[in-house]
């Protein structure tokens, strides 16, 4: 009986020791940060080229967009419909510059923060107007390793229209 108990305790100790000494998962933080930077750079390039469908491909199906003086836009189809007028605007131009890129230790969520400049046609004057502001974009790593936007928020530096 004592021999069986000793063997059982030895096996349990061996199993516990083996479980506790497994190598930690690899640290992919630097690679994840770079992948997020690369994703945002590719997205900015698609917008600069006015490639609307390519630009839309960076949004997750359940993404949300929050822009000044407008209701929350939820879902890729709603985002596509809301942004389609920009694609058709001959004066549309967009540039952004990330000042901060962070990825969670888990490697599945990240965000970028920075500044943007966007030119569109003023609907009243029909002249180009340029907006400058800040943005915060939350990304989620997909099963295939790509990063998709799950939340996109802009904060214009322009004064709000009267009455807002």
N, C-alpha and C. Protein backbone atom coordinates (compact mmCIF):
# COMPACT_ATOMS: atom_id res chain seq x y z
N UNK A 1 0.83 -1.19 0.00
CA UNK A 1 0.00 0.00 0.00
C UNK A 1 0.87 1.25 0.00
N UNK A 2 1.91 1.22 0.84
CA UNK A 2 2.81 2.38 0.92
C UNK A 2 3.52 2.60 -0.42
N UNK A 3 3.86 1.51 -1.11
CA UNK A 3 4.54 1.60 -2.41
C UNK A 3 3.61 2.23 -3.45
N UNK A 4 2.35 1.83 -3.45
CA UNK A 4 1.39 2.41 -4.39
C UNK A 4 1.19 3.90 -4.14
N UNK A 5 1.08 4.27 -2.89
CA UNK A 5 0.90 5.67 -2.53
C UNK A 5 2.12 6.48 -2.94
N UNK A 6 3.30 5.94 -2.73
CA UNK A 6 4.54 6.63 -3.12
C UNK A 6 4.60 6.81 -4.63
N UNK A 7 4.20 5.77 -5.37
CA UNK A 7 4.22 5.87 -6.83
C UNK A 7 3.19 6.89 -7.32
N UNK A 8 2.02 6.90 -6.72
CA UNK A 8 0.97 7.84 -7.10
C UNK A 8 1.42 9.28 -6.83
N UNK A 9 2.00 9.51 -5.67
CA UNK A 9 2.50 10.84 -5.33
C UNK A 9 3.61 11.24 -6.30
N UNK A 10 4.50 10.31 -6.63
CA UNK A 10 5.59 10.60 -7.58
C UNK A 10 5.04 10.97 -8.95
N UNK A 11 4.04 10.22 -9.41
CA UNK A 11 3.43 10.51 -10.71
C UNK A 11 2.74 11.88 -10.71
N UNK A 12 2.04 12.17 -9.63
CA UNK A 12 1.38 13.48 -9.52
C UNK A 12 2.39 14.61 -9.49
N UNK A 13 3.49 14.43 -8.76
CA UNK A 13 4.54 15.45 -8.73
C UNK A 13 5.17 15.64 -10.11
N UNK A 14 5.38 14.53 -10.81
CA UNK A 14 5.95 14.61 -12.16
C UNK A 14 4.99 15.35 -13.09
N UNK A 15 3.72 15.04 -13.02
CA UNK A 15 2.73 15.70 -13.87
C UNK A 15 2.65 17.20 -13.54
N UNK A 16 2.65 17.51 -12.26
CA UNK A 16 2.59 18.91 -11.83
C UNK A 16 3.83 19.67 -12.28
N UNK A 17 4.99 19.07 -12.11
CA UNK A 17 6.25 19.70 -12.50
C UNK A 17 6.29 19.93 -14.01
N UNK A 18 5.83 18.94 -14.77
CA UNK A 18 5.81 19.07 -16.23
C UNK A 18 4.85 20.19 -16.64
N UNK A 19 3.69 20.24 -16.04
CA UNK A 19 2.70 21.27 -16.37
C UNK A 19 3.22 22.66 -16.02
N UNK A 20 3.94 22.77 -14.95
CA UNK A 20 4.43 24.08 -14.50
C UNK A 20 5.67 24.54 -15.26
N UNK A 21 6.35 23.63 -15.94
CA UNK A 21 7.58 24.01 -16.62
C UNK A 21 7.40 24.12 -18.13
N UNK A 22 6.15 24.09 -18.60
CA UNK A 22 5.93 24.26 -20.03
C UNK A 22 6.38 25.66 -20.43
N UNK A 23 6.94 25.73 -21.61
CA UNK A 23 7.43 27.02 -22.09
C UNK A 23 6.27 27.99 -22.25
N UNK A 24 6.48 29.24 -21.87
CA UNK A 24 5.42 30.23 -22.06
C UNK A 24 5.19 30.46 -23.55
N UNK A 25 4.01 30.94 -23.91
CA UNK A 25 3.78 31.21 -25.33
C UNK A 25 4.78 32.26 -25.82
N UNK A 26 5.11 32.22 -27.10
CA UNK A 26 6.10 33.17 -27.61
C UNK A 26 5.59 34.60 -27.48
N UNK A 27 6.51 35.52 -27.25
CA UNK A 27 6.16 36.94 -27.14
C UNK A 27 6.09 37.51 -28.55
N UNK A 28 4.88 37.80 -29.01
CA UNK A 28 4.68 38.32 -30.36
C UNK A 28 4.34 39.82 -30.35
N UNK A 29 4.55 40.48 -29.22
CA UNK A 29 4.13 41.87 -29.09
C UNK A 29 4.73 42.77 -30.17
N UNK A 30 6.03 42.71 -30.35
CA UNK A 30 6.68 43.59 -31.35
C UNK A 30 6.14 43.30 -32.74
N UNK A 31 5.96 42.03 -33.08
CA UNK A 31 5.43 41.67 -34.39
C UNK A 31 3.99 42.13 -34.54
N UNK A 32 3.20 42.03 -33.47
CA UNK A 32 1.80 42.48 -33.52
C UNK A 32 1.73 44.00 -33.71
N UNK A 33 2.56 44.74 -33.01
CA UNK A 33 2.59 46.19 -33.16
C UNK A 33 2.97 46.55 -34.60
N UNK A 34 3.98 45.88 -35.14
CA UNK A 34 4.39 46.16 -36.53
C UNK A 34 3.27 45.81 -37.50
N UNK A 35 2.60 44.69 -37.28
CA UNK A 35 1.49 44.28 -38.15
C UNK A 35 0.38 45.31 -38.12
N UNK A 36 0.10 45.87 -36.95
CA UNK A 36 -0.93 46.90 -36.84
C UNK A 36 -0.50 48.17 -37.57
N UNK A 37 0.76 48.55 -37.43
CA UNK A 37 1.28 49.72 -38.17
C UNK A 37 1.17 49.48 -39.68
N UNK A 38 1.54 48.28 -40.11
CA UNK A 38 1.48 47.95 -41.54
C UNK A 38 0.04 47.95 -42.05
N UNK A 39 -0.88 47.44 -41.24
CA UNK A 39 -2.29 47.42 -41.62
C UNK A 39 -2.81 48.84 -41.80
N UNK A 40 -2.51 49.70 -40.84
CA UNK A 40 -3.00 51.07 -40.94
C UNK A 40 -2.36 51.80 -42.13
N UNK A 41 -1.10 51.54 -42.40
CA UNK A 41 -0.43 52.17 -43.55
C UNK A 41 -1.07 51.71 -44.86
N UNK A 42 -1.39 50.42 -44.97
CA UNK A 42 -2.03 49.90 -46.17
C UNK A 42 -3.43 50.48 -46.34
N UNK A 43 -4.15 50.63 -45.23
CA UNK A 43 -5.49 51.21 -45.26
C UNK A 43 -5.40 52.67 -45.72
N UNK A 44 -4.45 53.43 -45.19
CA UNK A 44 -4.27 54.83 -45.58
C UNK A 44 -3.93 54.92 -47.07
N UNK A 45 -3.12 53.99 -47.56
CA UNK A 45 -2.75 53.98 -48.97
C UNK A 45 -3.98 53.73 -49.84
N UNK A 46 -4.85 52.81 -49.41
CA UNK A 46 -6.08 52.53 -50.16
C UNK A 46 -6.99 53.76 -50.19
N UNK A 47 -7.07 54.47 -49.06
CA UNK A 47 -7.89 55.69 -49.03
C UNK A 47 -7.30 56.77 -49.92
N UNK A 48 -5.98 56.93 -49.89
CA UNK A 48 -5.33 57.94 -50.73
C UNK A 48 -5.54 57.64 -52.21
N UNK A 49 -5.61 56.35 -52.55
CA UNK A 49 -5.83 55.94 -53.93
C UNK A 49 -7.32 55.98 -54.30
N UNK A 50 -8.16 56.34 -53.34
CA UNK A 50 -9.62 56.38 -53.52
C UNK A 50 -10.18 55.02 -53.92
N UNK A 51 -9.57 53.97 -53.37
CA UNK A 51 -10.03 52.60 -53.60
C UNK A 51 -11.04 52.27 -52.49
N UNK A 52 -12.29 52.61 -52.73
CA UNK A 52 -13.34 52.52 -51.72
C UNK A 52 -13.51 51.10 -51.19
N UNK A 53 -13.61 50.12 -52.07
CA UNK A 53 -13.84 48.75 -51.62
C UNK A 53 -12.65 48.22 -50.82
N UNK A 54 -11.45 48.54 -51.25
CA UNK A 54 -10.26 48.13 -50.48
C UNK A 54 -10.29 48.79 -49.10
N UNK A 55 -10.64 50.07 -49.06
CA UNK A 55 -10.74 50.78 -47.77
C UNK A 55 -11.76 50.12 -46.86
N UNK A 56 -12.87 49.70 -47.42
CA UNK A 56 -13.92 49.06 -46.62
C UNK A 56 -13.48 47.69 -46.10
N UNK A 57 -12.54 47.05 -46.79
CA UNK A 57 -12.11 45.71 -46.39
C UNK A 57 -11.39 45.69 -45.04
N UNK A 58 -10.99 46.85 -44.53
CA UNK A 58 -10.29 46.91 -43.25
C UNK A 58 -11.26 46.91 -42.06
N UNK A 59 -12.55 47.06 -42.32
CA UNK A 59 -13.55 47.03 -41.25
C UNK A 59 -14.03 45.61 -41.01
N UNK A 60 -14.21 45.25 -39.74
CA UNK A 60 -14.86 43.99 -39.38
C UNK A 60 -16.35 44.13 -39.71
N UNK A 61 -17.00 43.00 -39.91
CA UNK A 61 -18.43 43.04 -40.25
C UNK A 61 -19.27 43.74 -39.20
N UNK A 62 -18.86 43.65 -37.93
CA UNK A 62 -19.64 44.25 -36.84
C UNK A 62 -19.01 45.54 -36.30
N UNK A 63 -18.21 46.20 -37.11
CA UNK A 63 -17.52 47.43 -36.68
C UNK A 63 -18.51 48.55 -36.39
N UNK A 64 -18.03 49.53 -35.61
CA UNK A 64 -18.79 50.75 -35.32
C UNK A 64 -17.92 51.95 -35.67
N UNK A 65 -18.57 52.98 -36.19
CA UNK A 65 -17.89 54.23 -36.51
C UNK A 65 -18.59 55.35 -35.76
N UNK A 66 -17.77 56.20 -35.13
CA UNK A 66 -18.28 57.34 -34.38
C UNK A 66 -17.64 58.60 -34.94
N UNK A 67 -18.45 59.45 -35.55
CA UNK A 67 -17.95 60.70 -36.11
C UNK A 67 -18.72 61.85 -35.49
N UNK A 68 -18.12 63.05 -35.46
CA UNK A 68 -18.78 64.20 -34.84
C UNK A 68 -20.13 64.51 -35.50
N UNK A 69 -21.04 64.95 -34.71
CA UNK A 69 -22.38 65.44 -35.11
C UNK A 69 -23.19 64.43 -35.92
N UNK A 70 -22.96 63.14 -35.67
CA UNK A 70 -23.72 62.10 -36.37
C UNK A 70 -23.98 60.95 -35.42
N UNK A 71 -25.06 60.20 -35.66
CA UNK A 71 -25.31 59.02 -34.83
C UNK A 71 -24.25 57.95 -35.06
N UNK A 72 -24.14 57.04 -34.13
CA UNK A 72 -23.24 55.90 -34.24
C UNK A 72 -23.63 55.08 -35.48
N UNK A 73 -22.63 54.62 -36.22
CA UNK A 73 -22.85 53.81 -37.41
C UNK A 73 -22.37 52.40 -37.08
N UNK A 74 -23.27 51.42 -37.15
CA UNK A 74 -22.93 50.05 -36.75
C UNK A 74 -23.07 49.08 -37.91
N UNK A 75 -22.05 48.28 -38.11
CA UNK A 75 -22.05 47.25 -39.14
C UNK A 75 -21.43 47.74 -40.44
N UNK A 76 -20.75 46.83 -41.10
CA UNK A 76 -20.02 47.17 -42.32
C UNK A 76 -20.93 47.71 -43.42
N UNK A 77 -22.13 47.16 -43.55
CA UNK A 77 -23.05 47.64 -44.59
C UNK A 77 -23.47 49.08 -44.34
N UNK A 78 -23.75 49.41 -43.08
CA UNK A 78 -24.12 50.78 -42.73
C UNK A 78 -22.94 51.73 -42.92
N UNK A 79 -21.75 51.26 -42.58
CA UNK A 79 -20.54 52.08 -42.76
C UNK A 79 -20.32 52.34 -44.25
N UNK A 80 -20.47 51.31 -45.05
CA UNK A 80 -20.32 51.44 -46.50
C UNK A 80 -21.31 52.49 -47.04
N UNK A 81 -22.55 52.41 -46.62
CA UNK A 81 -23.57 53.36 -47.09
C UNK A 81 -23.25 54.79 -46.63
N UNK A 82 -22.78 54.93 -45.40
CA UNK A 82 -22.47 56.27 -44.87
C UNK A 82 -21.26 56.88 -45.57
N UNK A 83 -20.28 56.06 -45.92
CA UNK A 83 -19.04 56.56 -46.52
C UNK A 83 -19.07 56.63 -48.05
N UNK A 84 -20.09 56.06 -48.68
CA UNK A 84 -20.15 56.05 -50.14
C UNK A 84 -20.10 57.47 -50.73
N UNK A 85 -20.76 58.46 -50.14
CA UNK A 85 -20.65 59.82 -50.70
C UNK A 85 -19.20 60.34 -50.73
N UNK A 86 -18.38 59.93 -49.78
CA UNK A 86 -16.97 60.33 -49.79
C UNK A 86 -16.27 59.74 -51.01
N UNK A 87 -16.59 58.51 -51.34
CA UNK A 87 -15.97 57.86 -52.49
C UNK A 87 -16.32 58.58 -53.79
N UNK A 88 -17.50 59.17 -53.81
CA UNK A 88 -17.96 59.86 -55.02
C UNK A 88 -17.55 61.33 -55.05
N UNK A 89 -16.97 61.83 -53.97
CA UNK A 89 -16.59 63.25 -53.87
C UNK A 89 -15.26 63.48 -54.61
N UNK A 90 -15.25 64.31 -55.66
CA UNK A 90 -14.01 64.53 -56.41
C UNK A 90 -12.93 65.24 -55.59
N UNK A 91 -13.32 65.93 -54.52
CA UNK A 91 -12.34 66.63 -53.68
C UNK A 91 -11.86 65.80 -52.50
N UNK A 92 -12.39 64.59 -52.37
CA UNK A 92 -12.02 63.78 -51.20
C UNK A 92 -10.53 63.47 -51.19
N UNK A 93 -9.93 63.73 -50.04
CA UNK A 93 -8.54 63.37 -49.77
C UNK A 93 -8.44 63.10 -48.28
N UNK A 94 -7.66 62.11 -47.92
CA UNK A 94 -7.53 61.74 -46.51
C UNK A 94 -6.09 61.33 -46.23
N UNK A 95 -5.57 61.80 -45.13
CA UNK A 95 -4.24 61.40 -44.67
C UNK A 95 -4.28 61.27 -43.16
N UNK A 96 -3.54 60.32 -42.63
CA UNK A 96 -3.50 60.16 -41.18
C UNK A 96 -2.07 59.80 -40.76
N UNK A 97 -1.81 60.09 -39.50
CA UNK A 97 -0.49 59.83 -38.95
C UNK A 97 -0.66 59.31 -37.52
N UNK A 98 -0.34 58.04 -37.31
CA UNK A 98 -0.45 57.46 -35.98
C UNK A 98 0.67 58.00 -35.09
N UNK A 99 0.31 58.37 -33.88
CA UNK A 99 1.30 58.80 -32.90
C UNK A 99 1.46 57.76 -31.80
N UNK A 100 0.53 56.81 -31.76
CA UNK A 100 0.58 55.76 -30.74
C UNK A 100 -0.03 54.49 -31.30
N UNK A 101 0.66 53.39 -31.10
CA UNK A 101 0.17 52.07 -31.50
C UNK A 101 0.41 51.14 -30.33
N UNK A 102 -0.64 50.52 -29.85
CA UNK A 102 -0.55 49.60 -28.71
C UNK A 102 -1.27 48.30 -29.03
N UNK A 103 -0.74 47.21 -28.52
CA UNK A 103 -1.37 45.90 -28.65
C UNK A 103 -1.40 45.27 -27.27
N UNK A 104 -2.55 44.69 -26.92
CA UNK A 104 -2.70 44.02 -25.63
C UNK A 104 -1.72 42.86 -25.53
N UNK A 105 -1.34 42.54 -24.31
CA UNK A 105 -0.42 41.42 -24.07
C UNK A 105 -0.96 40.13 -24.67
N UNK A 106 -2.27 39.99 -24.68
CA UNK A 106 -2.90 38.80 -25.25
C UNK A 106 -2.69 38.70 -26.75
N UNK A 107 -2.39 39.83 -27.40
CA UNK A 107 -2.13 39.84 -28.84
C UNK A 107 -3.36 39.82 -29.71
N UNK A 108 -4.55 39.95 -29.12
CA UNK A 108 -5.76 39.88 -29.94
C UNK A 108 -6.46 41.23 -30.14
N UNK A 109 -6.11 42.23 -29.35
CA UNK A 109 -6.70 43.56 -29.47
C UNK A 109 -5.60 44.60 -29.51
N UNK A 110 -5.84 45.66 -30.25
CA UNK A 110 -4.89 46.75 -30.32
C UNK A 110 -5.59 48.03 -30.71
N UNK A 111 -4.85 49.13 -30.62
CA UNK A 111 -5.43 50.39 -31.07
C UNK A 111 -4.35 51.30 -31.61
N UNK A 112 -4.80 52.23 -32.45
CA UNK A 112 -3.94 53.29 -32.95
C UNK A 112 -4.60 54.61 -32.61
N UNK A 113 -3.76 55.60 -32.41
CA UNK A 113 -4.23 56.94 -32.07
C UNK A 113 -3.36 57.91 -32.86
N UNK A 114 -3.95 58.96 -33.38
CA UNK A 114 -3.15 59.91 -34.13
C UNK A 114 -3.96 61.08 -34.63
N UNK A 115 -3.46 61.69 -35.69
CA UNK A 115 -4.11 62.86 -36.28
C UNK A 115 -4.47 62.56 -37.73
N UNK A 116 -5.47 63.29 -38.21
CA UNK A 116 -5.88 63.12 -39.60
C UNK A 116 -6.14 64.48 -40.23
N UNK A 117 -6.11 64.49 -41.55
CA UNK A 117 -6.54 65.62 -42.36
C UNK A 117 -7.44 65.05 -43.44
N UNK A 118 -8.62 65.65 -43.62
CA UNK A 118 -9.55 65.15 -44.63
C UNK A 118 -10.16 66.33 -45.37
N UNK A 119 -10.14 66.24 -46.68
CA UNK A 119 -10.74 67.28 -47.53
C UNK A 119 -11.96 66.69 -48.22
N UNK A 120 -13.06 67.43 -48.16
CA UNK A 120 -14.31 67.04 -48.82
C UNK A 120 -14.92 68.29 -49.46
N UNK A 121 -15.99 68.10 -50.19
CA UNK A 121 -16.69 69.22 -50.80
C UNK A 121 -17.79 69.69 -49.85
N UNK A 122 -17.79 70.97 -49.55
CA UNK A 122 -18.83 71.54 -48.72
C UNK A 122 -20.14 71.49 -49.50
N UNK A 123 -21.20 70.88 -48.94
CA UNK A 123 -22.44 70.73 -49.69
C UNK A 123 -23.12 72.07 -50.04
N UNK A 124 -22.88 73.10 -49.23
CA UNK A 124 -23.52 74.41 -49.47
C UNK A 124 -22.74 75.24 -50.49
N UNK A 125 -21.44 75.35 -50.30
CA UNK A 125 -20.63 76.22 -51.16
C UNK A 125 -20.06 75.49 -52.37
N UNK A 126 -20.07 74.17 -52.34
CA UNK A 126 -19.48 73.33 -53.39
C UNK A 126 -17.97 73.52 -53.53
N UNK A 127 -17.35 74.09 -52.50
CA UNK A 127 -15.91 74.30 -52.49
C UNK A 127 -15.26 73.29 -51.54
N UNK A 128 -13.98 72.99 -51.79
CA UNK A 128 -13.28 72.06 -50.89
C UNK A 128 -13.14 72.66 -49.49
N UNK A 129 -13.32 71.82 -48.49
CA UNK A 129 -13.11 72.21 -47.10
C UNK A 129 -12.25 71.13 -46.45
N UNK A 130 -11.28 71.57 -45.67
CA UNK A 130 -10.36 70.63 -45.03
C UNK A 130 -10.59 70.59 -43.53
N UNK A 131 -10.75 69.40 -43.03
CA UNK A 131 -10.94 69.15 -41.60
C UNK A 131 -9.67 68.50 -41.06
N UNK A 132 -9.27 68.93 -39.88
CA UNK A 132 -8.16 68.30 -39.18
C UNK A 132 -8.66 67.86 -37.82
N UNK A 133 -8.12 66.76 -37.34
CA UNK A 133 -8.55 66.28 -36.03
C UNK A 133 -7.73 65.10 -35.55
N UNK A 134 -8.30 64.42 -34.57
CA UNK A 134 -7.67 63.27 -33.94
C UNK A 134 -8.52 62.03 -34.19
N UNK A 135 -7.90 60.87 -34.05
CA UNK A 135 -8.66 59.63 -34.20
C UNK A 135 -8.17 58.59 -33.19
N UNK A 136 -9.04 57.63 -32.95
CA UNK A 136 -8.73 56.47 -32.13
C UNK A 136 -9.42 55.28 -32.80
N UNK A 137 -8.63 54.28 -33.16
CA UNK A 137 -9.18 53.12 -33.86
C UNK A 137 -8.81 51.86 -33.08
N UNK A 138 -9.81 51.06 -32.77
CA UNK A 138 -9.61 49.78 -32.10
C UNK A 138 -9.62 48.67 -33.15
N UNK A 139 -8.64 47.77 -33.05
CA UNK A 139 -8.50 46.66 -33.98
C UNK A 139 -8.61 45.34 -33.22
N UNK A 140 -9.10 44.33 -33.93
CA UNK A 140 -9.14 42.97 -33.37
C UNK A 140 -8.46 42.04 -34.36
N UNK A 141 -7.56 41.20 -33.82
CA UNK A 141 -6.89 40.23 -34.68
C UNK A 141 -7.88 39.14 -35.07
N UNK A 142 -7.92 38.83 -36.34
CA UNK A 142 -8.84 37.83 -36.87
C UNK A 142 -8.19 36.44 -36.81
N UNK A 143 -8.98 35.41 -37.04
CA UNK A 143 -8.48 34.04 -37.00
C UNK A 143 -7.34 33.80 -38.00
N UNK A 144 -7.37 34.55 -39.11
CA UNK A 144 -6.33 34.37 -40.13
C UNK A 144 -5.08 35.22 -39.85
N UNK A 145 -5.07 35.93 -38.71
CA UNK A 145 -3.92 36.74 -38.33
C UNK A 145 -3.96 38.18 -38.79
N UNK A 146 -4.94 38.54 -39.61
CA UNK A 146 -5.07 39.93 -40.05
C UNK A 146 -5.75 40.75 -38.96
N UNK A 147 -5.61 42.06 -39.05
CA UNK A 147 -6.24 42.97 -38.10
C UNK A 147 -7.39 43.69 -38.80
N UNK A 148 -8.54 43.75 -38.13
CA UNK A 148 -9.71 44.45 -38.67
C UNK A 148 -10.16 45.51 -37.66
N UNK A 149 -10.67 46.61 -38.18
CA UNK A 149 -11.19 47.69 -37.36
C UNK A 149 -12.51 47.25 -36.74
N UNK A 150 -12.63 47.40 -35.42
CA UNK A 150 -13.89 47.10 -34.74
C UNK A 150 -14.54 48.38 -34.21
N UNK A 151 -13.76 49.43 -34.03
CA UNK A 151 -14.30 50.73 -33.61
C UNK A 151 -13.40 51.82 -34.16
N UNK A 152 -14.02 52.83 -34.76
CA UNK A 152 -13.30 53.91 -35.43
C UNK A 152 -13.94 55.22 -34.98
N UNK A 153 -13.16 56.06 -34.32
CA UNK A 153 -13.72 57.31 -33.80
C UNK A 153 -12.84 58.48 -34.22
N UNK A 154 -13.48 59.50 -34.80
CA UNK A 154 -12.80 60.74 -35.17
C UNK A 154 -13.26 61.86 -34.26
N UNK A 155 -12.37 62.79 -34.01
CA UNK A 155 -12.68 63.96 -33.21
C UNK A 155 -12.11 65.18 -33.92
N UNK A 156 -12.98 65.91 -34.59
CA UNK A 156 -12.57 67.06 -35.39
C UNK A 156 -12.06 68.19 -34.51
N UNK A 157 -11.07 68.92 -35.03
CA UNK A 157 -10.61 70.13 -34.37
C UNK A 157 -11.45 71.34 -34.78
N UNK A 158 -12.31 71.16 -35.78
CA UNK A 158 -13.15 72.27 -36.25
C UNK A 158 -14.23 72.55 -35.21
N UNK A 159 -14.65 73.82 -35.10
CA UNK A 159 -15.75 74.12 -34.18
C UNK A 159 -17.04 73.48 -34.66
N UNK A 160 -17.85 73.08 -33.71
CA UNK A 160 -19.15 72.50 -34.06
C UNK A 160 -20.02 73.55 -34.73
N UNK A 161 -20.90 73.11 -35.64
CA UNK A 161 -21.84 74.07 -36.23
C UNK A 161 -22.72 74.67 -35.15
N UNK A 162 -23.17 75.87 -35.36
CA UNK A 162 -24.04 76.55 -34.37
C UNK A 162 -25.25 75.68 -34.06
N UNK A 163 -25.58 75.61 -32.80
CA UNK A 163 -26.76 74.86 -32.39
C UNK A 163 -26.49 73.41 -32.05
N UNK A 164 -25.27 72.96 -32.14
CA UNK A 164 -24.96 71.56 -31.84
C UNK A 164 -24.44 71.39 -30.43
